[in-house]
Amino acid sequence: MSDAKVLFRKQIEVRWSDCDSNQHMRHSAYADFCAHTRVGYMIKVGMTQEWLKKQGLGPVLFKEETEYFRELFMGEMVEVTVEIGEPTGSAKSVQLVNNIYRQNGDLAARHKAVFGWFSMTERKVVELPDVVKQHMLEEQIENA
């Protein structure tokens, strides 16, 4: 586990409802854990539900993909990180990477998500808000 690019981290317990009939965590639960952690990061930097409502914005997901390396099981505590991903080449989107680590530190999965911001009043995707540029894109430049 490298702390070099980690913006945020969250501990989550794998629940019964996160598992499938093969007795391991279902694939969609990995994405759920990552989305939950990204929302935690957004709240940490001030992008709360109230802020989103005041700005008239909502996050919109363009693309996500997951690579699986290790199984996760009910009752296991995992750590999910938020890190800056690769530049998207657009002022309207950003990529974040979530790494999910098992209790022993092994990488269980890597999830990449490209998202932007949707204006509720204009009903279109708009440029990234300043708070996103400040917290995410500056990190991307510093860690390049």
N, C-alpha and C. Protein backbone atom coordinates (compact mmCIF):
# COMPACT_ATOMS: atom_id res chain seq x y z
N MET A 1 0.85 -1.19 0.00
CA MET A 1 0.00 0.00 0.00
C MET A 1 0.88 1.24 0.00
N SER A 2 0.71 2.06 -0.99
CA SER A 2 1.48 3.29 -1.09
C SER A 2 0.60 4.47 -0.71
N ASP A 3 1.12 5.36 0.14
CA ASP A 3 0.37 6.54 0.55
C ASP A 3 0.63 7.73 -0.37
N ALA A 4 1.51 7.57 -1.35
CA ALA A 4 1.94 8.69 -2.19
C ALA A 4 0.78 9.42 -2.85
N LYS A 5 -0.20 8.71 -3.37
CA LYS A 5 -1.28 9.35 -4.12
C LYS A 5 -2.63 9.24 -3.42
N VAL A 6 -2.67 8.73 -2.21
CA VAL A 6 -3.95 8.50 -1.52
C VAL A 6 -4.53 9.82 -1.04
N LEU A 7 -5.73 10.13 -1.52
CA LEU A 7 -6.44 11.33 -1.10
C LEU A 7 -7.33 11.07 0.10
N PHE A 8 -7.82 9.83 0.21
CA PHE A 8 -8.80 9.48 1.23
C PHE A 8 -8.81 7.97 1.37
N ARG A 9 -9.11 7.50 2.57
CA ARG A 9 -9.24 6.06 2.79
C ARG A 9 -10.39 5.79 3.76
N LYS A 10 -11.02 4.64 3.60
CA LYS A 10 -12.18 4.28 4.41
C LYS A 10 -12.13 2.79 4.71
N GLN A 11 -12.44 2.43 5.95
CA GLN A 11 -12.56 1.03 6.37
C GLN A 11 -14.02 0.61 6.23
N ILE A 12 -14.27 -0.54 5.61
CA ILE A 12 -15.62 -1.04 5.42
C ILE A 12 -15.64 -2.54 5.71
N GLU A 13 -16.69 -2.98 6.39
CA GLU A 13 -16.86 -4.40 6.65
C GLU A 13 -17.72 -5.03 5.55
N VAL A 14 -17.30 -6.17 5.05
CA VAL A 14 -18.08 -6.91 4.06
C VAL A 14 -19.27 -7.54 4.78
N ARG A 15 -20.46 -7.17 4.36
CA ARG A 15 -21.69 -7.65 5.00
C ARG A 15 -22.25 -8.86 4.25
N TRP A 16 -23.17 -9.54 4.87
CA TRP A 16 -23.83 -10.67 4.25
C TRP A 16 -24.45 -10.25 2.92
N SER A 17 -25.10 -9.09 2.90
CA SER A 17 -25.78 -8.62 1.70
C SER A 17 -24.81 -8.25 0.57
N ASP A 18 -23.51 -8.15 0.86
CA ASP A 18 -22.50 -7.85 -0.15
C ASP A 18 -22.01 -9.11 -0.87
N CYS A 19 -22.43 -10.28 -0.37
CA CYS A 19 -21.91 -11.54 -0.89
C CYS A 19 -22.93 -12.24 -1.79
N ASP A 20 -22.40 -13.15 -2.64
CA ASP A 20 -23.25 -13.88 -3.57
C ASP A 20 -23.31 -15.36 -3.19
N SER A 21 -23.92 -16.17 -4.03
CA SER A 21 -24.08 -17.59 -3.73
C SER A 21 -22.77 -18.36 -3.77
N ASN A 22 -21.71 -17.77 -4.29
CA ASN A 22 -20.38 -18.39 -4.26
C ASN A 22 -19.64 -18.10 -2.97
N GLN A 23 -20.31 -17.45 -2.03
CA GLN A 23 -19.80 -17.15 -0.69
C GLN A 23 -18.65 -16.15 -0.69
N HIS A 24 -18.56 -15.33 -1.73
CA HIS A 24 -17.60 -14.23 -1.71
C HIS A 24 -18.32 -12.96 -2.15
N MET A 25 -17.64 -11.82 -2.05
CA MET A 25 -18.28 -10.55 -2.36
C MET A 25 -18.65 -10.49 -3.84
N ARG A 26 -19.90 -10.09 -4.09
CA ARG A 26 -20.40 -10.00 -5.47
C ARG A 26 -19.71 -8.84 -6.19
N HIS A 27 -19.61 -8.95 -7.51
CA HIS A 27 -18.86 -7.96 -8.28
C HIS A 27 -19.44 -6.55 -8.13
N SER A 28 -20.75 -6.40 -8.08
CA SER A 28 -21.33 -5.06 -7.97
C SER A 28 -21.10 -4.44 -6.60
N ALA A 29 -20.83 -5.25 -5.58
CA ALA A 29 -20.54 -4.70 -4.25
C ALA A 29 -19.18 -3.99 -4.25
N TYR A 30 -18.24 -4.46 -5.07
CA TYR A 30 -16.96 -3.76 -5.18
C TYR A 30 -17.20 -2.32 -5.65
N ALA A 31 -18.03 -2.17 -6.67
CA ALA A 31 -18.34 -0.83 -7.19
C ALA A 31 -19.09 -0.01 -6.14
N ASP A 32 -19.98 -0.65 -5.38
CA ASP A 32 -20.71 0.05 -4.31
C ASP A 32 -19.75 0.58 -3.25
N PHE A 33 -18.79 -0.25 -2.84
CA PHE A 33 -17.80 0.17 -1.84
C PHE A 33 -17.01 1.37 -2.35
N CYS A 34 -16.65 1.34 -3.62
CA CYS A 34 -15.86 2.42 -4.21
C CYS A 34 -16.68 3.71 -4.29
N ALA A 35 -17.93 3.62 -4.71
CA ALA A 35 -18.79 4.80 -4.77
C ALA A 35 -18.99 5.38 -3.38
N HIS A 36 -19.21 4.53 -2.39
CA HIS A 36 -19.40 4.98 -1.01
C HIS A 36 -18.15 5.72 -0.52
N THR A 37 -16.98 5.22 -0.88
CA THR A 37 -15.73 5.86 -0.46
C THR A 37 -15.52 7.18 -1.19
N ARG A 38 -15.85 7.24 -2.47
CA ARG A 38 -15.73 8.51 -3.21
C ARG A 38 -16.65 9.57 -2.62
N VAL A 39 -17.85 9.19 -2.23
CA VAL A 39 -18.77 10.14 -1.59
C VAL A 39 -18.19 10.62 -0.27
N GLY A 40 -17.57 9.74 0.49
CA GLY A 40 -16.90 10.15 1.73
C GLY A 40 -15.82 11.17 1.48
N TYR A 41 -15.06 10.98 0.40
CA TYR A 41 -14.03 11.94 0.02
C TYR A 41 -14.66 13.28 -0.36
N MET A 42 -15.73 13.24 -1.15
CA MET A 42 -16.41 14.47 -1.56
C MET A 42 -16.88 15.26 -0.33
N ILE A 43 -17.45 14.57 0.62
CA ILE A 43 -17.92 15.23 1.84
C ILE A 43 -16.75 15.84 2.59
N LYS A 44 -15.63 15.11 2.66
CA LYS A 44 -14.44 15.60 3.36
C LYS A 44 -13.96 16.93 2.78
N VAL A 45 -14.03 17.09 1.46
CA VAL A 45 -13.53 18.32 0.82
C VAL A 45 -14.61 19.38 0.65
N GLY A 46 -15.80 19.15 1.24
CA GLY A 46 -16.84 20.17 1.25
C GLY A 46 -17.95 20.01 0.22
N MET A 47 -17.91 18.94 -0.55
CA MET A 47 -18.96 18.71 -1.55
C MET A 47 -20.08 17.87 -0.93
N THR A 48 -20.73 18.45 0.06
CA THR A 48 -21.82 17.77 0.76
C THR A 48 -23.09 17.81 -0.07
N GLN A 49 -24.12 17.12 0.39
CA GLN A 49 -25.41 17.15 -0.30
C GLN A 49 -25.94 18.58 -0.37
N GLU A 50 -25.75 19.33 0.71
CA GLU A 50 -26.19 20.73 0.74
C GLU A 50 -25.43 21.56 -0.28
N TRP A 51 -24.13 21.35 -0.39
CA TRP A 51 -23.30 22.08 -1.35
C TRP A 51 -23.76 21.77 -2.77
N LEU A 52 -23.97 20.47 -3.07
CA LEU A 52 -24.43 20.08 -4.39
C LEU A 52 -25.75 20.75 -4.74
N LYS A 53 -26.68 20.77 -3.78
CA LYS A 53 -27.99 21.39 -4.01
C LYS A 53 -27.84 22.89 -4.27
N LYS A 54 -27.02 23.55 -3.46
CA LYS A 54 -26.80 24.99 -3.62
C LYS A 54 -26.17 25.31 -4.98
N GLN A 55 -25.25 24.48 -5.43
CA GLN A 55 -24.57 24.68 -6.71
C GLN A 55 -25.43 24.23 -7.89
N GLY A 56 -26.47 23.47 -7.61
CA GLY A 56 -27.30 22.93 -8.68
C GLY A 56 -26.59 21.87 -9.50
N LEU A 57 -25.73 21.11 -8.84
CA LEU A 57 -24.90 20.11 -9.52
C LEU A 57 -25.15 18.70 -8.98
N GLY A 58 -24.84 17.75 -9.82
CA GLY A 58 -24.84 16.35 -9.40
C GLY A 58 -23.74 15.62 -10.13
N PRO A 59 -23.08 14.68 -9.47
CA PRO A 59 -22.04 13.91 -10.16
C PRO A 59 -22.67 12.98 -11.19
N VAL A 60 -21.99 12.81 -12.32
CA VAL A 60 -22.46 11.91 -13.36
C VAL A 60 -21.31 10.97 -13.74
N LEU A 61 -21.61 9.70 -13.80
CA LEU A 61 -20.61 8.68 -14.10
C LEU A 61 -20.57 8.41 -15.60
N PHE A 62 -19.37 8.50 -16.20
CA PHE A 62 -19.21 8.24 -17.62
C PHE A 62 -18.71 6.82 -17.90
N LYS A 63 -17.81 6.36 -17.04
CA LYS A 63 -17.19 5.06 -17.29
C LYS A 63 -16.65 4.52 -15.98
N GLU A 64 -16.77 3.21 -15.79
CA GLU A 64 -16.11 2.58 -14.66
C GLU A 64 -15.69 1.17 -15.06
N GLU A 65 -14.57 0.75 -14.49
CA GLU A 65 -14.08 -0.60 -14.75
C GLU A 65 -13.37 -1.11 -13.52
N THR A 66 -13.45 -2.42 -13.33
CA THR A 66 -12.84 -3.04 -12.15
C THR A 66 -11.98 -4.21 -12.57
N GLU A 67 -10.79 -4.29 -11.97
CA GLU A 67 -9.92 -5.46 -12.08
C GLU A 67 -9.96 -6.16 -10.74
N TYR A 68 -10.17 -7.47 -10.75
CA TYR A 68 -10.27 -8.26 -9.52
C TYR A 68 -9.01 -9.09 -9.34
N PHE A 69 -8.46 -9.06 -8.11
CA PHE A 69 -7.23 -9.79 -7.83
C PHE A 69 -7.39 -10.85 -6.74
N ARG A 70 -8.22 -10.58 -5.74
CA ARG A 70 -8.42 -11.49 -4.61
C ARG A 70 -9.88 -11.48 -4.20
N GLU A 71 -10.34 -12.61 -3.68
CA GLU A 71 -11.71 -12.68 -3.17
C GLU A 71 -11.82 -11.95 -1.84
N LEU A 72 -13.02 -11.46 -1.56
CA LEU A 72 -13.35 -10.87 -0.26
C LEU A 72 -14.53 -11.65 0.31
N PHE A 73 -14.54 -11.79 1.64
CA PHE A 73 -15.54 -12.63 2.29
C PHE A 73 -16.28 -11.89 3.40
N MET A 74 -17.48 -12.40 3.71
CA MET A 74 -18.32 -11.82 4.75
C MET A 74 -17.53 -11.68 6.06
N GLY A 75 -17.68 -10.51 6.68
CA GLY A 75 -17.03 -10.24 7.96
C GLY A 75 -15.64 -9.66 7.83
N GLU A 76 -15.07 -9.71 6.65
CA GLU A 76 -13.72 -9.18 6.44
C GLU A 76 -13.76 -7.66 6.42
N MET A 77 -12.79 -7.04 7.08
CA MET A 77 -12.63 -5.58 7.04
C MET A 77 -11.70 -5.25 5.88
N VAL A 78 -12.14 -4.33 5.04
CA VAL A 78 -11.33 -3.93 3.90
C VAL A 78 -11.04 -2.43 3.99
N GLU A 79 -9.99 -2.02 3.32
CA GLU A 79 -9.68 -0.60 3.22
C GLU A 79 -9.81 -0.20 1.76
N VAL A 80 -10.56 0.88 1.53
CA VAL A 80 -10.75 1.40 0.19
C VAL A 80 -10.10 2.77 0.12
N THR A 81 -9.26 2.98 -0.88
CA THR A 81 -8.61 4.27 -1.04
C THR A 81 -9.19 5.02 -2.23
N VAL A 82 -9.03 6.34 -2.20
CA VAL A 82 -9.34 7.20 -3.34
C VAL A 82 -8.03 7.82 -3.79
N GLU A 83 -7.73 7.67 -5.06
CA GLU A 83 -6.50 8.21 -5.63
C GLU A 83 -6.83 8.87 -6.97
N ILE A 84 -5.98 9.78 -7.38
CA ILE A 84 -6.15 10.42 -8.68
C ILE A 84 -5.76 9.45 -9.78
N GLY A 85 -6.58 9.40 -10.81
CA GLY A 85 -6.29 8.55 -11.96
C GLY A 85 -5.58 9.32 -13.06
N GLU A 86 -5.64 8.77 -14.24
CA GLU A 86 -5.00 9.39 -15.40
C GLU A 86 -5.80 10.60 -15.87
N PRO A 87 -5.14 11.58 -16.46
CA PRO A 87 -5.87 12.72 -17.03
C PRO A 87 -6.85 12.24 -18.09
N THR A 88 -8.02 12.88 -18.14
CA THR A 88 -9.03 12.49 -19.13
C THR A 88 -8.92 13.29 -20.41
N GLY A 89 -8.21 14.40 -20.37
CA GLY A 89 -8.11 15.25 -21.56
C GLY A 89 -9.29 16.18 -21.73
N SER A 90 -10.13 16.28 -20.71
CA SER A 90 -11.31 17.13 -20.78
C SER A 90 -11.43 17.97 -19.52
N ALA A 91 -11.91 19.20 -19.68
CA ALA A 91 -12.18 20.07 -18.53
C ALA A 91 -13.50 19.70 -17.86
N LYS A 92 -14.18 18.70 -18.41
CA LYS A 92 -15.49 18.30 -17.89
C LYS A 92 -15.48 16.94 -17.20
N SER A 93 -14.30 16.35 -17.02
CA SER A 93 -14.27 15.04 -16.36
C SER A 93 -12.95 14.83 -15.63
N VAL A 94 -12.98 13.89 -14.71
CA VAL A 94 -11.82 13.52 -13.92
C VAL A 94 -11.89 12.01 -13.68
N GLN A 95 -10.72 11.37 -13.55
CA GLN A 95 -10.69 9.95 -13.22
C GLN A 95 -10.18 9.78 -11.81
N LEU A 96 -10.90 8.99 -11.03
CA LEU A 96 -10.44 8.59 -9.72
C LEU A 96 -10.26 7.08 -9.71
N VAL A 97 -9.27 6.63 -8.95
CA VAL A 97 -8.99 5.20 -8.82
C VAL A 97 -9.24 4.82 -7.37
N ASN A 98 -9.96 3.73 -7.18
CA ASN A 98 -10.14 3.16 -5.85
C ASN A 98 -9.39 1.84 -5.81
N ASN A 99 -8.56 1.67 -4.79
CA ASN A 99 -7.93 0.38 -4.53
C ASN A 99 -8.62 -0.21 -3.30
N ILE A 100 -8.96 -1.48 -3.39
CA ILE A 100 -9.58 -2.19 -2.26
C ILE A 100 -8.57 -3.20 -1.75
N TYR A 101 -8.22 -3.06 -0.46
CA TYR A 101 -7.21 -3.93 0.16
C TYR A 101 -7.87 -4.85 1.18
N ARG A 102 -7.43 -6.10 1.19
CA ARG A 102 -7.86 -7.06 2.19
C ARG A 102 -7.25 -6.69 3.54
N GLN A 103 -7.72 -7.36 4.59
CA GLN A 103 -7.21 -7.12 5.95
C GLN A 103 -5.70 -7.28 6.04
N ASN A 104 -5.15 -8.21 5.28
CA ASN A 104 -3.70 -8.47 5.35
C ASN A 104 -2.88 -7.54 4.45
N GLY A 105 -3.56 -6.58 3.79
CA GLY A 105 -2.86 -5.62 2.94
C GLY A 105 -2.79 -5.99 1.48
N ASP A 106 -3.22 -7.21 1.11
CA ASP A 106 -3.22 -7.62 -0.29
C ASP A 106 -4.24 -6.79 -1.08
N LEU A 107 -3.86 -6.42 -2.29
CA LEU A 107 -4.77 -5.71 -3.18
C LEU A 107 -5.82 -6.69 -3.68
N ALA A 108 -7.09 -6.42 -3.40
CA ALA A 108 -8.19 -7.29 -3.83
C ALA A 108 -8.76 -6.83 -5.16
N ALA A 109 -8.82 -5.51 -5.38
CA ALA A 109 -9.39 -5.00 -6.62
C ALA A 109 -8.95 -3.56 -6.85
N ARG A 110 -8.94 -3.18 -8.13
CA ARG A 110 -8.68 -1.79 -8.52
C ARG A 110 -9.86 -1.35 -9.39
N HIS A 111 -10.46 -0.23 -9.00
CA HIS A 111 -11.66 0.26 -9.68
C HIS A 111 -11.36 1.67 -10.20
N LYS A 112 -11.61 1.90 -11.49
CA LYS A 112 -11.39 3.22 -12.08
C LYS A 112 -12.73 3.79 -12.49
N ALA A 113 -12.94 5.06 -12.15
CA ALA A 113 -14.20 5.73 -12.48
C ALA A 113 -13.90 7.09 -13.09
N VAL A 114 -14.53 7.38 -14.22
CA VAL A 114 -14.45 8.69 -14.86
C VAL A 114 -15.80 9.35 -14.67
N PHE A 115 -15.77 10.54 -14.08
CA PHE A 115 -17.04 11.22 -13.85
C PHE A 115 -16.89 12.72 -14.04
N GLY A 116 -18.03 13.36 -14.12
CA GLY A 116 -18.09 14.81 -14.28
C GLY A 116 -19.25 15.35 -13.47
N TRP A 117 -19.67 16.55 -13.84
CA TRP A 117 -20.72 17.23 -13.09
C TRP A 117 -21.84 17.66 -14.02
N PHE A 118 -23.04 17.37 -13.62
CA PHE A 118 -24.24 17.66 -14.39
C PHE A 118 -24.95 18.85 -13.76
N SER A 119 -25.22 19.88 -14.56
CA SER A 119 -25.96 21.04 -14.09
C SER A 119 -27.44 20.72 -14.11
N MET A 120 -28.08 20.81 -12.96
CA MET A 120 -29.51 20.52 -12.87
C MET A 120 -30.35 21.58 -13.57
N THR A 121 -29.85 22.81 -13.64
CA THR A 121 -30.62 23.87 -14.29
C THR A 121 -30.41 23.87 -15.81
N GLU A 122 -29.16 23.69 -16.24
CA GLU A 122 -28.86 23.68 -17.67
C GLU A 122 -29.12 22.33 -18.32
N ARG A 123 -29.22 21.27 -17.50
CA ARG A 123 -29.45 19.90 -17.96
C ARG A 123 -28.38 19.44 -18.94
N LYS A 124 -27.12 19.74 -18.55
CA LYS A 124 -25.99 19.29 -19.36
C LYS A 124 -24.76 19.15 -18.48
N VAL A 125 -23.77 18.46 -19.02
CA VAL A 125 -22.49 18.32 -18.32
C VAL A 125 -21.75 19.63 -18.43
N VAL A 126 -21.19 20.09 -17.30
CA VAL A 126 -20.48 21.37 -17.25
C VAL A 126 -19.03 21.14 -16.82
N GLU A 127 -18.23 22.20 -16.92
CA GLU A 127 -16.84 22.10 -16.48
C GLU A 127 -16.79 21.76 -15.00
N LEU A 128 -15.69 21.15 -14.61
CA LEU A 128 -15.51 20.76 -13.22
C LEU A 128 -15.58 21.98 -12.31
N PRO A 129 -16.28 21.88 -11.18
CA PRO A 129 -16.32 22.99 -10.22
C PRO A 129 -14.92 23.30 -9.69
N ASP A 130 -14.71 24.53 -9.24
CA ASP A 130 -13.41 24.94 -8.72
C ASP A 130 -12.91 24.04 -7.60
N VAL A 131 -13.80 23.60 -6.70
CA VAL A 131 -13.37 22.75 -5.59
C VAL A 131 -12.83 21.42 -6.12
N VAL A 132 -13.37 20.92 -7.22
CA VAL A 132 -12.87 19.69 -7.82
C VAL A 132 -11.49 19.95 -8.42
N LYS A 133 -11.38 21.04 -9.17
CA LYS A 133 -10.09 21.39 -9.76
C LYS A 133 -9.03 21.56 -8.68
N GLN A 134 -9.40 22.24 -7.61
CA GLN A 134 -8.46 22.51 -6.53
C GLN A 134 -7.98 21.22 -5.86
N HIS A 135 -8.91 20.34 -5.53
CA HIS A 135 -8.54 19.15 -4.75
C HIS A 135 -8.10 17.97 -5.60
N MET A 136 -8.61 17.85 -6.79
CA MET A 136 -8.31 16.67 -7.59
C MET A 136 -7.29 16.93 -8.68
N LEU A 137 -7.48 17.96 -9.45
CA LEU A 137 -6.58 18.19 -10.56
C LEU A 137 -5.21 18.66 -10.11
N GLU A 138 -5.14 19.45 -9.04
CA GLU A 138 -3.83 19.86 -8.52
C GLU A 138 -3.04 18.64 -8.05
N GLU A 139 -3.73 17.68 -7.43
CA GLU A 139 -3.07 16.45 -7.00
C GLU A 139 -2.55 15.68 -8.22
N GLN A 140 -3.34 15.71 -9.29
CA GLN A 140 -2.95 15.01 -10.51
C GLN A 140 -1.66 15.60 -11.07
N ILE A 141 -1.54 16.92 -11.06
CA ILE A 141 -0.34 17.59 -11.56
C ILE A 141 0.84 17.30 -10.64
N GLU A 142 0.63 17.38 -9.31
CA GLU A 142 1.71 17.15 -8.36
C GLU A 142 2.24 15.72 -8.42
N ASN A 143 1.35 14.77 -8.70
CA ASN A 143 1.75 13.36 -8.68
C ASN A 143 2.15 12.84 -10.06
N ALA A 144 2.18 13.70 -11.06
CA ALA A 144 2.52 13.26 -12.42
C ALA A 144 3.99 12.91 -12.53
